Every structure is written in structure tokens, then in C-alpha cells.
Amino acid sequence: MKYKNSDIARKPGTVPRPGEGKRGPEGHLGYLVRQASVAVRAAMEKVLADIEVTPPQFSVLTMIVSYPGVSGADLARLTLLTPQTINVIVRNLERMGAIRKSADAEHGRILRLTATAKGQALLKRCRARVMEVEDRLGGLLGRDEERVVRRWLSAVGEALGK
């Protein structure tokens, strides 16, 4: 008789490795999405560590370059981080010389964020390293499968993120 990963007898008190039991295809979708998210973040932390950039800093810098003039409040929504975390990251990126703040022309209390040349160069270095992780992710799928997964993940964010 063939056994699935979830059928393998385990010694009491031991937990399955990723891909086994409830941490594998038999697990709850929400848990599996979270497990994948944590694994991706850990891989990103590893490739960014020697340039002293965190995954949240990379995410924030990516959005500032993608959407010049974005506000801190909009950054929080875009990066799925709290406004308090955004404030700390923005302060650190500004201290590094990667971004600059300027007051909004109409609403002086709103600060608009843009990347400096130093910030754009830093992002380019980060992207090269993060692409290693992206390539590993993509290597787990064929092109058609990747398109399906991308559409599904986007749809999950749209449907459940309301």
C-alpha cells in the first residue's frame, strides 16, 4: 500500500518538515500561503543581508521608485506594512541617503517621497539579488503554471483584501 506524506507515522512530539503532513499539499490553503510567504521572506533576508537591506526596506524602496511622490500612507497600503513601520523605514532610508522627502504642494502636511540616485543604485543591487529568489520560485513552475499562480494570488488579494 502506498502512503501519502500525511500518512507517514511520526514519533509523538515531532513536527513535519515543509511539504509533509499539514505542511504539504494536504494542508489548509491559508496556512500554505503563509508558509510560502515566510519562506520567501527568509530567502530574501538571506540574499540581502550583506548589503544591510531588509525585505521591508526593499519593498518600500521598490514602491517609491515605482510611484515617485508616493505618500507614507499610500506606502503603507502598497507594502502591507503599518504606518508606524513605514515611518521607521522611511527614516532609515532617508538617513542612508536613498530617498528624500518634500512637502506636498497643496497639502503641506503630506510628505512626498522620491528616490535619490543613491537609492536607485541601491535598489538595482537589491533587485539583482532578489531575482535569485524569484528565479528559484519560477523554477518550480512552467510558464503557463506561473501565469495561473500569479492570477490566482492576485485574485486572492483582490477578493479577500477588501
N, C-alpha and C. Protein backbone atom coordinates (compact mmCIF):
# COMPACT_ATOMS: atom_id res chain seq x y z
N MET A 1 0.84 -1.19 0.00
CA MET A 1 0.00 0.00 0.00
C MET A 1 0.88 1.25 0.00
N LYS A 2 0.55 2.22 -0.85
CA LYS A 2 1.32 3.46 -0.91
C LYS A 2 0.77 4.45 0.12
N TYR A 3 1.68 5.21 0.70
CA TYR A 3 1.31 6.21 1.70
C TYR A 3 1.58 7.60 1.17
N LYS A 4 0.72 8.54 1.52
CA LYS A 4 0.95 9.95 1.22
C LYS A 4 1.81 10.50 2.34
N ASN A 5 2.43 11.67 2.10
CA ASN A 5 3.23 12.32 3.14
C ASN A 5 2.47 12.45 4.44
N SER A 6 1.17 12.75 4.34
CA SER A 6 0.38 12.96 5.55
C SER A 6 0.11 11.66 6.30
N ASP A 7 0.36 10.49 5.65
CA ASP A 7 0.10 9.21 6.29
C ASP A 7 1.32 8.66 7.02
N ILE A 8 2.46 9.28 6.85
CA ILE A 8 3.69 8.77 7.45
C ILE A 8 3.59 8.87 8.96
N ALA A 9 3.85 7.77 9.63
CA ALA A 9 3.80 7.76 11.09
C ALA A 9 4.95 8.60 11.63
N ARG A 10 4.65 9.42 12.61
CA ARG A 10 5.66 10.28 13.22
C ARG A 10 5.76 9.95 14.70
N LYS A 11 6.94 10.14 15.19
CA LYS A 11 7.16 10.00 16.61
C LYS A 11 6.40 11.12 17.33
N PRO A 12 5.67 10.81 18.39
CA PRO A 12 4.93 11.86 19.10
C PRO A 12 5.85 13.02 19.49
N GLY A 13 5.34 14.25 19.28
CA GLY A 13 6.11 15.44 19.63
C GLY A 13 6.98 15.97 18.50
N THR A 14 7.04 15.27 17.38
CA THR A 14 7.81 15.78 16.25
C THR A 14 6.88 16.48 15.29
N VAL A 15 7.42 17.41 14.57
CA VAL A 15 6.60 18.15 13.60
C VAL A 15 7.08 17.83 12.20
N PRO A 16 6.18 17.87 11.25
CA PRO A 16 6.57 17.58 9.86
C PRO A 16 7.41 18.71 9.27
N ARG A 17 8.23 18.35 8.32
CA ARG A 17 9.01 19.34 7.58
C ARG A 17 8.09 19.99 6.55
N PRO A 18 8.49 21.17 6.01
CA PRO A 18 7.70 21.75 4.92
C PRO A 18 7.51 20.72 3.81
N GLY A 19 6.28 20.63 3.31
CA GLY A 19 5.97 19.67 2.27
C GLY A 19 5.40 18.37 2.80
N GLU A 20 5.41 18.18 4.13
CA GLU A 20 4.88 16.95 4.73
C GLU A 20 3.63 17.26 5.56
N GLY A 21 2.77 16.28 5.67
CA GLY A 21 1.57 16.40 6.51
C GLY A 21 0.77 17.64 6.18
N LYS A 22 0.34 18.34 7.21
CA LYS A 22 -0.45 19.55 7.02
C LYS A 22 0.41 20.69 6.49
N ARG A 23 1.72 20.49 6.40
CA ARG A 23 2.62 21.48 5.81
C ARG A 23 2.84 21.18 4.32
N GLY A 24 2.10 20.20 3.79
CA GLY A 24 2.21 19.82 2.40
C GLY A 24 0.89 20.02 1.67
N PRO A 25 0.73 19.37 0.53
CA PRO A 25 -0.47 19.56 -0.28
C PRO A 25 -1.78 19.27 0.44
N GLU A 26 -1.74 18.53 1.53
CA GLU A 26 -2.95 18.22 2.29
C GLU A 26 -3.33 19.34 3.26
N GLY A 27 -2.47 20.34 3.40
CA GLY A 27 -2.69 21.41 4.38
C GLY A 27 -3.74 22.41 3.94
N HIS A 28 -4.13 23.27 4.86
CA HIS A 28 -5.09 24.33 4.58
C HIS A 28 -4.44 25.38 3.68
N LEU A 29 -5.19 25.88 2.72
CA LEU A 29 -4.65 26.86 1.77
C LEU A 29 -4.06 28.08 2.48
N GLY A 30 -4.79 28.63 3.44
CA GLY A 30 -4.30 29.82 4.14
C GLY A 30 -2.96 29.56 4.80
N TYR A 31 -2.81 28.39 5.42
CA TYR A 31 -1.55 28.04 6.07
C TYR A 31 -0.45 27.91 5.03
N LEU A 32 -0.74 27.26 3.91
CA LEU A 32 0.27 27.05 2.88
C LEU A 32 0.73 28.38 2.26
N VAL A 33 -0.20 29.32 2.08
CA VAL A 33 0.16 30.65 1.57
C VAL A 33 1.09 31.33 2.58
N ARG A 34 0.74 31.25 3.85
CA ARG A 34 1.58 31.86 4.91
C ARG A 34 2.95 31.19 4.95
N GLN A 35 2.99 29.87 4.88
CA GLN A 35 4.26 29.14 4.90
C GLN A 35 5.14 29.58 3.73
N ALA A 36 4.54 29.72 2.55
CA ALA A 36 5.29 30.16 1.37
C ALA A 36 5.79 31.58 1.56
N SER A 37 4.96 32.45 2.12
CA SER A 37 5.35 33.84 2.35
C SER A 37 6.54 33.92 3.29
N VAL A 38 6.51 33.16 4.36
CA VAL A 38 7.60 33.16 5.33
C VAL A 38 8.88 32.62 4.68
N ALA A 39 8.76 31.59 3.86
CA ALA A 39 9.93 31.02 3.18
C ALA A 39 10.54 32.02 2.20
N VAL A 40 9.70 32.74 1.46
CA VAL A 40 10.19 33.74 0.51
C VAL A 40 10.88 34.87 1.27
N ARG A 41 10.28 35.32 2.35
CA ARG A 41 10.91 36.41 3.13
C ARG A 41 12.26 35.97 3.67
N ALA A 42 12.35 34.75 4.19
CA ALA A 42 13.62 34.26 4.73
C ALA A 42 14.69 34.19 3.63
N ALA A 43 14.30 33.74 2.46
CA ALA A 43 15.24 33.67 1.34
C ALA A 43 15.70 35.08 0.94
N MET A 44 14.76 36.04 0.95
CA MET A 44 15.12 37.42 0.63
C MET A 44 16.04 38.01 1.69
N GLU A 45 15.76 37.74 2.96
CA GLU A 45 16.64 38.23 4.03
C GLU A 45 18.06 37.73 3.82
N LYS A 46 18.17 36.48 3.43
CA LYS A 46 19.49 35.87 3.24
C LYS A 46 20.26 36.55 2.11
N VAL A 47 19.60 36.80 0.96
CA VAL A 47 20.33 37.38 -0.18
C VAL A 47 20.59 38.88 0.00
N LEU A 48 19.82 39.55 0.85
CA LEU A 48 20.00 40.99 1.06
C LEU A 48 20.88 41.32 2.28
N ALA A 49 21.17 40.33 3.10
CA ALA A 49 21.84 40.57 4.38
C ALA A 49 23.17 41.32 4.25
N ASP A 50 24.00 40.94 3.30
CA ASP A 50 25.33 41.55 3.24
C ASP A 50 25.31 42.99 2.72
N ILE A 51 24.20 43.43 2.15
CA ILE A 51 24.10 44.85 1.79
C ILE A 51 23.24 45.61 2.79
N GLU A 52 22.90 44.93 3.88
CA GLU A 52 22.21 45.53 5.02
C GLU A 52 20.89 46.21 4.64
N VAL A 53 20.11 45.49 3.83
CA VAL A 53 18.76 45.94 3.47
C VAL A 53 17.81 44.82 3.86
N THR A 54 16.71 45.19 4.49
CA THR A 54 15.70 44.20 4.88
C THR A 54 14.67 44.05 3.76
N PRO A 55 13.95 42.93 3.73
CA PRO A 55 12.87 42.81 2.74
C PRO A 55 11.85 43.95 2.81
N PRO A 56 11.43 44.39 4.01
CA PRO A 56 10.51 45.53 4.02
C PRO A 56 11.13 46.81 3.44
N GLN A 57 12.42 47.05 3.70
CA GLN A 57 13.08 48.21 3.11
C GLN A 57 13.13 48.08 1.59
N PHE A 58 13.41 46.88 1.10
CA PHE A 58 13.42 46.63 -0.34
C PHE A 58 12.04 46.91 -0.93
N SER A 59 11.01 46.45 -0.26
CA SER A 59 9.64 46.66 -0.73
C SER A 59 9.30 48.14 -0.78
N VAL A 60 9.64 48.87 0.27
CA VAL A 60 9.35 50.30 0.33
C VAL A 60 10.13 51.04 -0.76
N LEU A 61 11.40 50.74 -0.91
CA LEU A 61 12.20 51.41 -1.93
C LEU A 61 11.68 51.08 -3.33
N THR A 62 11.26 49.85 -3.55
CA THR A 62 10.67 49.46 -4.83
C THR A 62 9.45 50.32 -5.14
N MET A 63 8.57 50.50 -4.17
CA MET A 63 7.35 51.27 -4.39
C MET A 63 7.63 52.76 -4.58
N ILE A 64 8.62 53.28 -3.87
CA ILE A 64 8.97 54.70 -4.04
C ILE A 64 9.51 54.94 -5.45
N VAL A 65 10.34 54.02 -5.95
CA VAL A 65 10.86 54.15 -7.30
C VAL A 65 9.74 53.95 -8.33
N SER A 66 8.86 53.01 -8.06
CA SER A 66 7.75 52.72 -8.99
C SER A 66 6.71 53.83 -9.02
N TYR A 67 6.49 54.48 -7.88
CA TYR A 67 5.46 55.51 -7.75
C TYR A 67 6.06 56.77 -7.12
N PRO A 68 6.89 57.50 -7.88
CA PRO A 68 7.55 58.68 -7.32
C PRO A 68 6.52 59.66 -6.75
N GLY A 69 6.83 60.21 -5.59
CA GLY A 69 5.93 61.16 -4.95
C GLY A 69 4.89 60.50 -4.08
N VAL A 70 4.99 59.20 -3.90
CA VAL A 70 4.04 58.48 -3.05
C VAL A 70 4.12 59.01 -1.61
N SER A 71 3.01 58.98 -0.92
CA SER A 71 2.98 59.40 0.49
C SER A 71 3.24 58.20 1.39
N GLY A 72 3.54 58.47 2.65
CA GLY A 72 3.75 57.40 3.62
C GLY A 72 2.50 56.55 3.80
N ALA A 73 1.34 57.20 3.81
CA ALA A 73 0.08 56.46 3.97
C ALA A 73 -0.14 55.52 2.79
N ASP A 74 0.13 56.02 1.59
CA ASP A 74 -0.02 55.15 0.41
C ASP A 74 1.00 54.02 0.43
N LEU A 75 2.21 54.30 0.90
CA LEU A 75 3.23 53.26 1.01
C LEU A 75 2.78 52.14 1.94
N ALA A 76 2.15 52.52 3.05
CA ALA A 76 1.67 51.51 3.99
C ALA A 76 0.67 50.58 3.30
N ARG A 77 -0.22 51.15 2.52
CA ARG A 77 -1.21 50.33 1.81
C ARG A 77 -0.53 49.45 0.74
N LEU A 78 0.40 50.03 0.00
CA LEU A 78 1.08 49.30 -1.07
C LEU A 78 1.95 48.15 -0.56
N THR A 79 2.61 48.37 0.56
CA THR A 79 3.58 47.38 1.06
C THR A 79 3.00 46.46 2.13
N LEU A 80 1.76 46.71 2.52
CA LEU A 80 1.09 45.90 3.55
C LEU A 80 1.82 45.99 4.90
N LEU A 81 2.37 47.17 5.15
CA LEU A 81 3.05 47.44 6.42
C LEU A 81 2.27 48.49 7.19
N THR A 82 2.49 48.57 8.49
CA THR A 82 1.79 49.57 9.29
C THR A 82 2.41 50.95 9.06
N PRO A 83 1.62 52.00 9.28
CA PRO A 83 2.18 53.36 9.16
C PRO A 83 3.39 53.57 10.08
N GLN A 84 3.37 52.97 11.26
CA GLN A 84 4.49 53.10 12.19
C GLN A 84 5.76 52.47 11.60
N THR A 85 5.60 51.28 11.00
CA THR A 85 6.75 50.61 10.38
C THR A 85 7.26 51.43 9.20
N ILE A 86 6.34 51.97 8.41
CA ILE A 86 6.73 52.81 7.28
C ILE A 86 7.55 54.00 7.77
N ASN A 87 7.12 54.64 8.86
CA ASN A 87 7.85 55.79 9.38
C ASN A 87 9.29 55.43 9.73
N VAL A 88 9.49 54.28 10.36
CA VAL A 88 10.83 53.84 10.73
C VAL A 88 11.67 53.56 9.47
N ILE A 89 11.07 52.85 8.52
CA ILE A 89 11.80 52.51 7.29
C ILE A 89 12.14 53.77 6.51
N VAL A 90 11.20 54.68 6.37
CA VAL A 90 11.44 55.93 5.64
C VAL A 90 12.57 56.72 6.32
N ARG A 91 12.53 56.79 7.63
CA ARG A 91 13.58 57.50 8.38
C ARG A 91 14.95 56.86 8.09
N ASN A 92 15.00 55.52 8.12
CA ASN A 92 16.27 54.83 7.87
C ASN A 92 16.74 55.00 6.42
N LEU A 93 15.83 54.91 5.46
CA LEU A 93 16.21 55.09 4.06
C LEU A 93 16.67 56.53 3.80
N GLU A 94 16.03 57.47 4.47
CA GLU A 94 16.45 58.87 4.33
C GLU A 94 17.84 59.06 4.93
N ARG A 95 18.07 58.46 6.09
CA ARG A 95 19.38 58.54 6.75
C ARG A 95 20.48 57.94 5.87
N MET A 96 20.12 56.89 5.11
CA MET A 96 21.08 56.24 4.20
C MET A 96 21.31 57.08 2.94
N GLY A 97 20.48 58.09 2.73
CA GLY A 97 20.60 58.91 1.53
C GLY A 97 19.91 58.29 0.32
N ALA A 98 19.04 57.29 0.56
CA ALA A 98 18.37 56.58 -0.54
C ALA A 98 17.10 57.28 -1.01
N ILE A 99 16.49 58.07 -0.14
CA ILE A 99 15.25 58.78 -0.51
C ILE A 99 15.29 60.19 0.05
N ARG A 100 14.39 61.00 -0.48
CA ARG A 100 14.21 62.35 0.08
C ARG A 100 12.72 62.63 0.21
N LYS A 101 12.40 63.48 1.17
CA LYS A 101 11.02 63.89 1.42
C LYS A 101 10.84 65.34 0.97
N SER A 102 9.64 65.61 0.47
CA SER A 102 9.29 67.00 0.17
C SER A 102 7.81 67.19 0.50
N ALA A 103 7.48 68.39 0.90
CA ALA A 103 6.09 68.70 1.27
C ALA A 103 5.23 68.74 0.00
N ASP A 104 4.03 68.20 0.12
CA ASP A 104 3.06 68.25 -0.97
C ASP A 104 2.71 69.71 -1.24
N ALA A 105 2.60 70.07 -2.54
CA ALA A 105 2.33 71.46 -2.92
C ALA A 105 0.99 71.97 -2.37
N GLU A 106 -0.03 71.12 -2.31
CA GLU A 106 -1.35 71.55 -1.85
C GLU A 106 -1.61 71.28 -0.38
N HIS A 107 -1.08 70.17 0.10
CA HIS A 107 -1.31 69.76 1.49
C HIS A 107 0.05 69.61 2.16
N GLY A 108 0.56 70.70 2.69
CA GLY A 108 1.90 70.74 3.26
C GLY A 108 2.22 69.68 4.30
N ARG A 109 1.20 69.15 4.94
CA ARG A 109 1.45 68.13 5.96
C ARG A 109 1.75 66.76 5.34
N ILE A 110 1.37 66.57 4.09
CA ILE A 110 1.64 65.31 3.40
C ILE A 110 3.06 65.39 2.83
N LEU A 111 3.85 64.38 3.14
CA LEU A 111 5.21 64.32 2.63
C LEU A 111 5.26 63.39 1.43
N ARG A 112 5.86 63.85 0.37
CA ARG A 112 6.02 63.07 -0.86
C ARG A 112 7.44 62.50 -0.86
N LEU A 113 7.55 61.23 -1.24
CA LEU A 113 8.83 60.53 -1.19
C LEU A 113 9.34 60.21 -2.58
N THR A 114 10.61 60.46 -2.80
CA THR A 114 11.24 60.11 -4.07
C THR A 114 12.60 59.48 -3.77
N ALA A 115 13.04 58.65 -4.68
CA ALA A 115 14.34 58.00 -4.53
C ALA A 115 15.43 58.92 -5.07
N THR A 116 16.56 58.91 -4.41
CA THR A 116 17.73 59.64 -4.89
C THR A 116 18.48 58.73 -5.87
N ALA A 117 19.51 59.26 -6.51
CA ALA A 117 20.35 58.43 -7.38
C ALA A 117 20.97 57.29 -6.57
N LYS A 118 21.35 57.58 -5.34
CA LYS A 118 21.91 56.55 -4.46
C LYS A 118 20.87 55.46 -4.17
N GLY A 119 19.63 55.88 -3.95
CA GLY A 119 18.55 54.94 -3.69
C GLY A 119 18.25 54.07 -4.90
N GLN A 120 18.28 54.67 -6.09
CA GLN A 120 18.03 53.90 -7.31
C GLN A 120 19.15 52.88 -7.54
N ALA A 121 20.38 53.27 -7.25
CA ALA A 121 21.51 52.34 -7.39
C ALA A 121 21.39 51.20 -6.36
N LEU A 122 20.98 51.55 -5.15
CA LEU A 122 20.79 50.53 -4.12
C LEU A 122 19.69 49.56 -4.53
N LEU A 123 18.60 50.08 -5.05
CA LEU A 123 17.51 49.22 -5.49
C LEU A 123 17.97 48.28 -6.60
N LYS A 124 18.77 48.77 -7.50
CA LYS A 124 19.29 47.93 -8.59
C LYS A 124 20.12 46.78 -8.03
N ARG A 125 20.95 47.06 -7.03
CA ARG A 125 21.74 45.99 -6.39
C ARG A 125 20.82 44.99 -5.69
N CYS A 126 19.81 45.50 -5.00
CA CYS A 126 18.86 44.63 -4.30
C CYS A 126 18.10 43.75 -5.30
N ARG A 127 17.63 44.36 -6.38
CA ARG A 127 16.86 43.60 -7.37
C ARG A 127 17.66 42.45 -7.95
N ALA A 128 18.93 42.68 -8.20
CA ALA A 128 19.78 41.61 -8.75
C ALA A 128 19.80 40.41 -7.80
N ARG A 129 19.84 40.67 -6.52
CA ARG A 129 19.86 39.59 -5.52
C ARG A 129 18.49 38.96 -5.35
N VAL A 130 17.46 39.78 -5.32
CA VAL A 130 16.11 39.26 -5.16
C VAL A 130 15.71 38.43 -6.39
N MET A 131 16.27 38.75 -7.55
CA MET A 131 15.98 37.96 -8.76
C MET A 131 16.46 36.51 -8.59
N GLU A 132 17.48 36.28 -7.77
CA GLU A 132 17.91 34.91 -7.47
C GLU A 132 16.74 34.14 -6.83
N VAL A 133 16.07 34.78 -5.91
CA VAL A 133 14.92 34.16 -5.23
C VAL A 133 13.77 34.00 -6.22
N GLU A 134 13.50 35.04 -6.99
CA GLU A 134 12.43 34.98 -7.99
C GLU A 134 12.69 33.85 -9.00
N ASP A 135 13.95 33.69 -9.41
CA ASP A 135 14.28 32.63 -10.36
C ASP A 135 14.06 31.25 -9.73
N ARG A 136 14.39 31.13 -8.45
CA ARG A 136 14.14 29.85 -7.76
C ARG A 136 12.64 29.56 -7.69
N LEU A 137 11.86 30.60 -7.41
CA LEU A 137 10.40 30.43 -7.38
C LEU A 137 9.88 30.02 -8.75
N GLY A 138 10.29 30.76 -9.77
CA GLY A 138 9.84 30.47 -11.13
C GLY A 138 10.27 29.10 -11.61
N GLY A 139 11.41 28.64 -11.11
CA GLY A 139 11.91 27.33 -11.50
C GLY A 139 11.05 26.18 -11.00
N LEU A 140 10.18 26.46 -10.06
CA LEU A 140 9.28 25.43 -9.54
C LEU A 140 8.06 25.24 -10.43
N LEU A 141 7.90 26.13 -11.42
CA LEU A 141 6.72 26.11 -12.28
C LEU A 141 7.12 26.25 -13.74
N GLY A 142 6.23 25.82 -14.62
CA GLY A 142 6.36 26.14 -16.02
C GLY A 142 5.75 27.52 -16.25
N ARG A 143 5.95 28.09 -17.43
CA ARG A 143 5.42 29.44 -17.72
C ARG A 143 3.91 29.51 -17.57
N ASP A 144 3.21 28.52 -18.13
CA ASP A 144 1.74 28.54 -18.03
C ASP A 144 1.30 28.42 -16.58
N GLU A 145 1.96 27.56 -15.82
CA GLU A 145 1.61 27.40 -14.40
C GLU A 145 1.89 28.70 -13.64
N GLU A 146 2.99 29.34 -13.96
CA GLU A 146 3.32 30.59 -13.27
C GLU A 146 2.25 31.65 -13.53
N ARG A 147 1.77 31.74 -14.76
CA ARG A 147 0.70 32.71 -15.08
C ARG A 147 -0.55 32.40 -14.25
N VAL A 148 -0.87 31.11 -14.12
CA VAL A 148 -2.05 30.72 -13.33
C VAL A 148 -1.85 31.10 -11.87
N VAL A 149 -0.68 30.82 -11.33
CA VAL A 149 -0.40 31.13 -9.92
C VAL A 149 -0.44 32.64 -9.70
N ARG A 150 0.14 33.40 -10.61
CA ARG A 150 0.12 34.87 -10.48
C ARG A 150 -1.31 35.40 -10.50
N ARG A 151 -2.12 34.89 -11.42
CA ARG A 151 -3.52 35.34 -11.49
C ARG A 151 -4.26 34.95 -10.21
N TRP A 152 -4.01 33.74 -9.72
CA TRP A 152 -4.68 33.27 -8.52
C TRP A 152 -4.29 34.11 -7.31
N LEU A 153 -2.99 34.35 -7.13
CA LEU A 153 -2.55 35.15 -5.99
C LEU A 153 -3.10 36.57 -6.06
N SER A 154 -3.12 37.14 -7.26
CA SER A 154 -3.70 38.47 -7.45
C SER A 154 -5.19 38.46 -7.11
N ALA A 155 -5.89 37.43 -7.57
CA ALA A 155 -7.33 37.32 -7.29
C ALA A 155 -7.60 37.15 -5.80
N VAL A 156 -6.74 36.41 -5.11
CA VAL A 156 -6.89 36.24 -3.65
C VAL A 156 -6.76 37.60 -2.98
N GLY A 157 -5.75 38.36 -3.36
CA GLY A 157 -5.57 39.70 -2.77
C GLY A 157 -6.76 40.60 -3.04
N GLU A 158 -7.28 40.52 -4.25
CA GLU A 158 -8.43 41.35 -4.62
C GLU A 158 -9.68 40.93 -3.87
N ALA A 159 -9.94 39.63 -3.83
CA ALA A 159 -11.19 39.12 -3.24
C ALA A 159 -11.20 39.21 -1.72
N LEU A 160 -10.08 38.91 -1.09
CA LEU A 160 -10.04 38.88 0.37
C LEU A 160 -9.49 40.15 0.99
N GLY A 161 -8.89 40.99 0.18
CA GLY A 161 -8.29 42.21 0.70
C GLY A 161 -9.21 43.40 0.75
N LYS A 162 -10.49 43.17 0.52
CA LYS A 162 -11.45 44.28 0.50
C LYS A 162 -11.76 44.76 1.89
